[in-house]
Amino acid sequence: MSAGAVTFQIGKAGVTPAVIEQLNRILEHHKHIRISALPASGRTRHSMQTMAVSLVAALQATCEYRIIGFTIALRKRSLRQKSRK
């Protein structure tokens, strides 16, 4: 496995069941994924937020996300994660 994050691109079709399936497969083996929305996807700041929320809701693993420009940084939560105070 690589030390860095896996990169994934979403094109003009947007978030489809095939995209969700691929991301679930990637999350089986990796903890970090960078998802970039291509210009053909009709990306805007609002659409990036909507896309991130729908992705996190549809994925099987519990994930956190952060939006940086037109990139969504997904991080799979660990089952043994300690609570922060």
C-alpha atoms as a PDB file:
ATOM      1  CA  MET A   1       0.000   0.000   0.000  1.00  0.00           C
ATOM      2  CA  SER A   2       1.108   3.512  -0.685  1.00  0.00           C
ATOM      3  CA  ALA A   3       1.886   6.001   2.055  1.00  0.00           C
ATOM      4  CA  GLY A   4      -0.114   8.835   0.453  1.00  0.00           C
ATOM      5  CA  ALA A   5      -3.775   9.268  -0.224  1.00  0.00           C
ATOM      6  CA  VAL A   6      -5.503   7.544  -3.119  1.00  0.00           C
ATOM      7  CA  THR A   7      -6.803   9.962  -5.758  1.00  0.00           C
ATOM      8  CA  PHE A   8     -10.182   9.587  -7.416  1.00  0.00           C
ATOM      9  CA  GLN A   9     -11.936  11.759  -9.988  1.00  0.00           C
ATOM     10  CA  ILE A  10     -15.628  12.435 -10.512  1.00  0.00           C
ATOM     11  CA  GLY A  11     -16.620  13.473 -14.017  1.00  0.00           C
ATOM     12  CA  LYS A  12     -19.716  14.780 -15.735  1.00  0.00           C
ATOM     13  CA  ALA A  13     -21.889  11.838 -14.636  1.00  0.00           C
ATOM     14  CA  GLY A  14     -21.463  12.941 -11.011  1.00  0.00           C
ATOM     15  CA  VAL A  15     -22.033  10.603  -8.078  1.00  0.00           C
ATOM     16  CA  THR A  16     -23.394   7.358  -9.483  1.00  0.00           C
ATOM     17  CA  PRO A  17     -23.851   3.905  -7.923  1.00  0.00           C
ATOM     18  CA  ALA A  18     -20.667   2.827  -9.727  1.00  0.00           C
ATOM     19  CA  VAL A  19     -18.714   5.653  -8.044  1.00  0.00           C
ATOM     20  CA  ILE A  20     -20.061   4.612  -4.634  1.00  0.00           C
ATOM     21  CA  GLU A  21     -19.115   0.980  -5.312  1.00  0.00           C
ATOM     22  CA  GLN A  22     -15.562   1.926  -6.330  1.00  0.00           C
ATOM     23  CA  LEU A  23     -15.102   4.143  -3.267  1.00  0.00           C
ATOM     24  CA  ASN A  24     -16.334   1.339  -0.989  1.00  0.00           C
ATOM     25  CA  ARG A  25     -13.750  -1.000  -2.533  1.00  0.00           C
ATOM     26  CA  ILE A  26     -10.983   1.562  -2.079  1.00  0.00           C
ATOM     27  CA  LEU A  27     -11.949   2.180   1.544  1.00  0.00           C
ATOM     28  CA  GLU A  28     -11.533  -1.530   2.300  1.00  0.00           C
ATOM     29  CA  HIS A  29      -7.766  -1.116   1.929  1.00  0.00           C
ATOM     30  CA  HIS A  30      -7.044   2.595   2.312  1.00  0.00           C
ATOM     31  CA  LYS A  31      -7.801   5.189   4.953  1.00  0.00           C
ATOM     32  CA  HIS A  32      -7.465   8.409   2.911  1.00  0.00           C
ATOM     33  CA  ILE A  33      -9.017   9.269  -0.460  1.00  0.00           C
ATOM     34  CA  ARG A  34      -8.787  12.537  -2.355  1.00  0.00           C
ATOM     35  CA  ILE A  35     -11.759  13.016  -4.663  1.00  0.00           C
ATOM     36  CA  SER A  36     -11.461  15.764  -7.241  1.00  0.00           C
ATOM     37  CA  ALA A  37     -14.437  17.009  -9.223  1.00  0.00           C
ATOM     38  CA  LEU A  38     -13.585  17.688 -12.832  1.00  0.00           C
ATOM     39  CA  PRO A  39     -14.844  20.909 -14.462  1.00  0.00           C
ATOM     40  CA  ALA A  40     -17.247  18.872 -16.629  1.00  0.00           C
ATOM     41  CA  SER A  41     -19.110  17.826 -13.468  1.00  0.00           C
ATOM     42  CA  GLY A  42     -20.522  21.348 -13.169  1.00  0.00           C
ATOM     43  CA  ARG A  43     -18.681  21.969  -9.942  1.00  0.00           C
ATOM     44  CA  THR A  44     -19.466  24.913  -7.688  1.00  0.00           C
ATOM     45  CA  ARG A  45     -18.833  25.471  -4.004  1.00  0.00           C
ATOM     46  CA  HIS A  46     -22.403  24.464  -3.204  1.00  0.00           C
ATOM     47  CA  SER A  47     -22.286  21.362  -5.403  1.00  0.00           C
ATOM     48  CA  MET A  48     -19.047  20.238  -3.705  1.00  0.00           C
ATOM     49  CA  GLN A  49     -20.738  20.427  -0.300  1.00  0.00           C
ATOM     50  CA  THR A  50     -23.781  18.526  -1.605  1.00  0.00           C
ATOM     51  CA  MET A  51     -21.557  15.922  -3.242  1.00  0.00           C
ATOM     52  CA  ALA A  52     -19.531  15.380  -0.060  1.00  0.00           C
ATOM     53  CA  VAL A  53     -22.616  14.943   2.111  1.00  0.00           C
ATOM     54  CA  SER A  54     -24.197  12.478  -0.315  1.00  0.00           C
ATOM     55  CA  LEU A  55     -20.953  10.482  -0.595  1.00  0.00           C
ATOM     56  CA  VAL A  56     -20.499  10.168   3.166  1.00  0.00           C
ATOM     57  CA  ALA A  57     -24.135   9.111   3.582  1.00  0.00           C
ATOM     58  CA  ALA A  58     -23.904   6.459   0.842  1.00  0.00           C
ATOM     59  CA  LEU A  59     -20.583   4.870   1.828  1.00  0.00           C
ATOM     60  CA  GLN A  60     -20.511   1.740   3.974  1.00  0.00           C
ATOM     61  CA  ALA A  61     -17.599   2.936   6.126  1.00  0.00           C
ATOM     62  CA  THR A  62     -17.925   5.791   8.585  1.00  0.00           C
ATOM     63  CA  CYS A  63     -16.005   8.711   7.088  1.00  0.00           C
ATOM     64  CA  GLU A  64     -15.169  12.317   7.763  1.00  0.00           C
ATOM     65  CA  TYR A  65     -14.656  14.792   4.955  1.00  0.00           C
ATOM     66  CA  ARG A  66     -12.991  18.125   4.342  1.00  0.00           C
ATOM     67  CA  ILE A  67     -13.447  20.256   1.255  1.00  0.00           C
ATOM     68  CA  ILE A  68     -10.336  21.984  -0.073  1.00  0.00           C
ATOM     69  CA  GLY A  69     -11.117  23.941  -3.226  1.00  0.00           C
ATOM     70  CA  PHE A  70     -12.712  21.470  -5.624  1.00  0.00           C
ATOM     71  CA  THR A  71     -11.284  18.431  -3.816  1.00  0.00           C
ATOM     72  CA  ILE A  72     -12.981  16.334  -1.144  1.00  0.00           C
ATOM     73  CA  ALA A  73     -10.563  14.741   1.307  1.00  0.00           C
ATOM     74  CA  LEU A  74     -12.202  11.627   2.785  1.00  0.00           C
ATOM     75  CA  ARG A  75     -10.827   9.924   5.864  1.00  0.00           C
ATOM     76  CA  LYS A  76     -12.164   6.625   7.143  1.00  0.00           C
ATOM     77  CA  ARG A  77     -12.773   6.673  10.874  1.00  0.00           C
ATOM     78  CA  SER A  78     -11.088   4.007  12.921  1.00  0.00           C
ATOM     79  CA  LEU A  79     -13.262   1.727  15.038  1.00  0.00           C
ATOM     80  CA  ARG A  80     -10.832   2.212  17.907  1.00  0.00           C
ATOM     81  CA  GLN A  81     -10.745   6.008  17.662  1.00  0.00           C
ATOM     82  CA  LYS A  82     -10.529   7.683  21.046  1.00  0.00           C
ATOM     83  CA  SER A  83     -12.964  10.428  21.897  1.00  0.00           C
ATOM     84  CA  ARG A  84     -11.464  13.908  22.067  1.00  0.00           C
ATOM     85  CA  LYS A  85     -12.250  16.311  24.863  1.00  0.00           C
END
